[in-house]
Amino acid sequence: MMDITMTGGLVAGLDSMIEERSLLTHPFYTKWTEGTLTLDALRGYVTQYYAFESALPRVLSALLARTTDRSHRQALLDNLWDEEHGEENHAELWLRFAESLGADREEVRRAVPNEETRALVSFYDTVVWQQPVAAGVAALYAYESQVPAVATAKLRGLPAYGVERSTFFEVHAGMDVEHSEAERGIIEAAAPGERDAVVTATSQALEAWWTFLDGVDVDPA
């Protein structure tokens, strides 16, 4: 697996892996952008994704607690602050999106995650505590580096479901450009002995996200 990182640098190798497993090529997202999902499928996705969104501050906090480099801590703190602070925190923005689809916010908050969602959240809880910090950041990068393009595509598809705008996606279409750029810097600073773990975490994150989408893709093709 290390051969992936040797041509063009570590992050360039990760970017190639991410491109090959792009979330926008998953059938659930292609149907979203085409406007062919049912509202039930979209509401199911909204409910399941909340489990990850509400866990993300905890994931970032774990990395922040373990990071010794001040500049890396500052980058992670900026990400955590964006996720968590104030009345416009991202979990709240997601609940507002759920309401725009006719879902009840309390039902979303109380919903039981399915097997694929539990596996996704468990993977992130594990990687940020048990693997090198750079590997945990790489697992985040595998997702957040894709978010701007994914959010933009979702925004284009939302009118088909009666939603003209969504602040959650508007915010992430721009904000995660900054977050993923900061993550690139942390990954590039990984010690040579951590690079295998970085590549492995990226691969596992991509698989976990793909499987998560499998779990919510309940509409026929």
Foldseek 3Di string as FASTA:
>chain_A
DCVLQPPPHLVVSLVVVLVVLPPCPFPVNVCLLVLNDDLVLVLLLLLLVLVVLVCVLVLLVLLLVPDDDPLLNVLSVVVSCQQDDDPVHLSNLSLVVSVQSVDDSVCSVPPDHDPLSVVLSVLSVCCSNPAPSLQSLLLVLSPLVNLLVSLVSNQNRCVSSVDNDGVSSVCSNPPSVSSNVSSVVSNNPDDPVRSVSNSVSSVVSSVSVSSSSVVSPPDDD
